[in-house]
Amino acid sequence: MLSNKSQYILSKIGIPLYQDNTKSLIEQESAIHFYQKDCILTLHLISVDKYSEKEINLLEAIMASMKGEQASESHGEFTFVKGDSVRCEKILNNSHPIKATLVFFDTKLLSTDANCIESPPLIDMLSDPTLKKNLWAQIKLLDT
């Protein structure tokens, strides 16, 4: 414990002894939305339900280009604390094998051993069709 004189001197030179607890860091939660059809898993920052019809058609075309086992489709969201890395394995539905995981955002957020294919957002590919070339090249490697 500091003496009153020391506390006074420190306060005058701008060194606070106590910090305001109300300014504590609040952990912000965020969500990754997933959509799985057959053996293809896609990860998004917004729900697939919120995509426009053109974006959904493009997503369906991308997924249809990869042949796999027939399975029911599923979708949902996985919440996480911002700043933490997300393990892809927490998101996956282990009842169906995954042939490919397409990520429509920056993959630095993910921490996984699974081989993910990073893709530009669907809206960007609709406005600039040249962005599709790299994605199609990566998908083609899966079929070989």
Protein backbone atom coordinates (compact mmCIF):
# COMPACT_ATOMS: atom_id res chain seq x y z
CA MET A 1 0.00 0.00 0.00
CA LEU A 2 1.28 3.42 -0.91
CA SER A 3 1.28 6.32 1.50
CA ASN A 4 -1.11 9.19 0.98
CA LYS A 5 1.76 11.42 -0.10
CA SER A 6 2.89 8.89 -2.78
CA GLN A 7 -0.66 8.44 -4.03
CA TYR A 8 -1.07 12.22 -4.29
CA ILE A 9 2.19 12.66 -6.23
CA LEU A 10 1.36 9.82 -8.63
CA SER A 11 -2.11 11.22 -9.28
CA LYS A 12 -0.65 14.68 -10.04
CA ILE A 13 1.75 13.30 -12.66
CA GLY A 14 -1.04 11.33 -14.31
CA ILE A 15 -0.43 7.77 -13.11
CA PRO A 16 -3.74 6.28 -12.01
CA LEU A 17 -3.73 3.78 -9.17
CA TYR A 18 -7.04 2.20 -10.06
CA GLN A 19 -8.60 1.49 -13.41
CA ASP A 20 -12.28 1.84 -14.19
CA ASN A 21 -13.80 -1.64 -14.35
CA THR A 22 -16.59 -0.54 -16.69
CA LYS A 23 -14.06 -0.19 -19.50
CA SER A 24 -13.18 -3.89 -19.45
CA LEU A 25 -12.95 -5.65 -22.77
CA ILE A 26 -16.19 -7.18 -23.89
CA GLU A 27 -15.77 -10.29 -26.01
CA GLN A 28 -17.63 -9.90 -29.27
CA GLU A 29 -19.27 -12.96 -30.75
CA SER A 30 -19.48 -13.52 -34.44
CA ALA A 31 -20.91 -16.29 -36.60
CA ILE A 32 -19.87 -18.44 -39.52
CA HIS A 33 -22.78 -19.76 -41.54
CA PHE A 34 -22.47 -23.15 -43.19
CA TYR A 35 -24.36 -24.83 -45.98
CA GLN A 36 -23.73 -28.49 -46.76
CA LYS A 37 -25.14 -30.32 -49.73
CA ASP A 38 -24.06 -33.84 -50.58
CA CYS A 39 -20.34 -33.95 -49.71
CA ILE A 40 -19.67 -30.24 -50.28
CA LEU A 41 -19.47 -27.86 -47.32
CA THR A 42 -19.55 -24.11 -47.86
CA LEU A 43 -18.77 -21.50 -45.22
CA HIS A 44 -20.13 -17.94 -45.35
CA LEU A 45 -20.17 -14.80 -43.20
CA ILE A 46 -23.91 -14.33 -43.86
CA SER A 47 -26.69 -16.87 -44.07
CA VAL A 48 -27.31 -18.46 -47.46
CA ASP A 49 -30.97 -17.48 -47.04
CA LYS A 50 -29.93 -13.81 -47.33
CA TYR A 51 -28.25 -14.24 -50.72
CA SER A 52 -29.91 -12.92 -53.86
CA GLU A 53 -31.31 -15.36 -56.41
CA LYS A 54 -28.28 -14.85 -58.69
CA GLU A 55 -25.88 -15.60 -55.83
CA ILE A 56 -27.80 -18.75 -54.91
CA ASN A 57 -27.79 -19.90 -58.55
CA LEU A 58 -24.02 -19.38 -58.72
CA LEU A 59 -23.51 -21.26 -55.45
CA GLU A 60 -25.66 -24.15 -56.71
CA ALA A 61 -23.67 -24.25 -59.99
CA ILE A 62 -20.37 -24.33 -58.10
CA MET A 63 -21.58 -27.15 -55.84
CA ALA A 64 -23.09 -29.10 -58.76
CA SER A 65 -19.73 -29.06 -60.54
CA MET A 66 -18.31 -31.35 -57.85
CA LYS A 67 -19.78 -34.83 -57.93
CA GLY A 68 -20.14 -36.63 -54.65
CA GLU A 69 -22.28 -38.91 -52.56
CA GLN A 70 -25.92 -37.95 -52.31
CA ALA A 71 -26.87 -36.69 -48.87
CA SER A 72 -29.46 -34.38 -47.44
CA GLU A 73 -28.64 -30.70 -47.27
CA SER A 74 -28.12 -28.91 -44.01
CA HIS A 75 -27.37 -25.38 -42.96
CA GLY A 76 -26.84 -23.42 -39.80
CA GLU A 77 -24.40 -21.23 -37.99
CA PHE A 78 -21.47 -21.62 -35.66
CA THR A 79 -20.79 -18.83 -33.19
CA PHE A 80 -17.32 -17.96 -31.95
CA VAL A 81 -15.53 -15.20 -30.09
CA LYS A 82 -13.83 -12.69 -32.41
CA GLY A 83 -10.07 -13.05 -32.34
CA ASP A 84 -10.17 -16.79 -31.68
CA SER A 85 -9.36 -19.17 -34.50
CA VAL A 86 -12.19 -21.47 -35.51
CA ARG A 87 -11.60 -25.19 -35.94
CA CYS A 88 -13.39 -26.38 -39.06
CA GLU A 89 -13.97 -29.73 -37.38
CA LYS A 90 -16.36 -28.05 -34.92
CA ILE A 91 -18.56 -26.97 -37.82
CA LEU A 92 -18.57 -30.20 -39.81
CA ASN A 93 -21.40 -32.67 -39.67
CA ASN A 94 -19.43 -35.89 -39.22
CA SER A 95 -22.28 -38.11 -40.41
CA HIS A 96 -21.36 -37.37 -44.05
CA PRO A 97 -17.85 -37.38 -45.50
CA ILE A 98 -16.72 -34.03 -46.89
CA LYS A 99 -15.09 -34.00 -50.31
CA ALA A 100 -14.44 -30.26 -50.36
CA THR A 101 -14.86 -27.21 -48.15
CA LEU A 102 -15.39 -23.91 -49.93
CA VAL A 103 -14.79 -20.77 -47.88
CA PHE A 104 -16.33 -17.54 -49.18
CA PHE A 105 -14.32 -15.24 -46.88
CA ASP A 106 -10.74 -14.79 -45.66
CA THR A 107 -9.49 -18.20 -44.43
CA LYS A 108 -7.14 -16.62 -41.86
CA LEU A 109 -10.07 -16.87 -39.47
CA LEU A 110 -10.04 -20.66 -39.71
CA SER A 111 -7.65 -23.07 -38.08
CA THR A 112 -7.96 -26.45 -39.69
CA ASP A 113 -6.11 -29.40 -41.09
CA ALA A 114 -8.81 -29.87 -43.72
CA ASN A 115 -8.03 -28.68 -47.22
CA CYS A 116 -10.22 -25.60 -47.74
CA ILE A 117 -10.68 -23.81 -51.02
CA GLU A 118 -10.77 -20.06 -50.52
CA SER A 119 -13.13 -18.30 -52.88
CA PRO A 120 -14.02 -14.67 -53.46
CA PRO A 121 -17.49 -13.71 -52.23
CA LEU A 122 -20.31 -14.70 -54.58
CA ILE A 123 -21.33 -11.08 -55.21
CA ASP A 124 -17.77 -10.26 -56.31
CA MET A 125 -17.74 -13.18 -58.76
CA LEU A 126 -21.04 -12.03 -60.23
CA SER A 127 -19.70 -8.52 -60.84
CA ASP A 128 -16.28 -9.74 -62.08
CA PRO A 129 -16.51 -13.15 -63.83
CA THR A 130 -12.71 -13.39 -64.14
CA LEU A 131 -12.61 -14.16 -60.38
CA LYS A 132 -14.23 -17.52 -61.13
CA LYS A 133 -11.21 -18.83 -63.05
CA ASN A 134 -9.04 -19.52 -60.00
CA LEU A 135 -11.94 -21.20 -58.19
CA TRP A 136 -12.74 -23.45 -61.16
CA ALA A 137 -9.05 -24.39 -61.45
CA GLN A 138 -8.98 -25.46 -57.80
CA ILE A 139 -12.24 -27.41 -58.16
CA LYS A 140 -10.91 -29.17 -61.24
CA LEU A 141 -7.93 -30.44 -59.21
CA LEU A 142 -10.37 -32.22 -56.88
CA ASP A 143 -11.82 -34.34 -59.70
CA THR A 144 -8.42 -35.65 -60.80
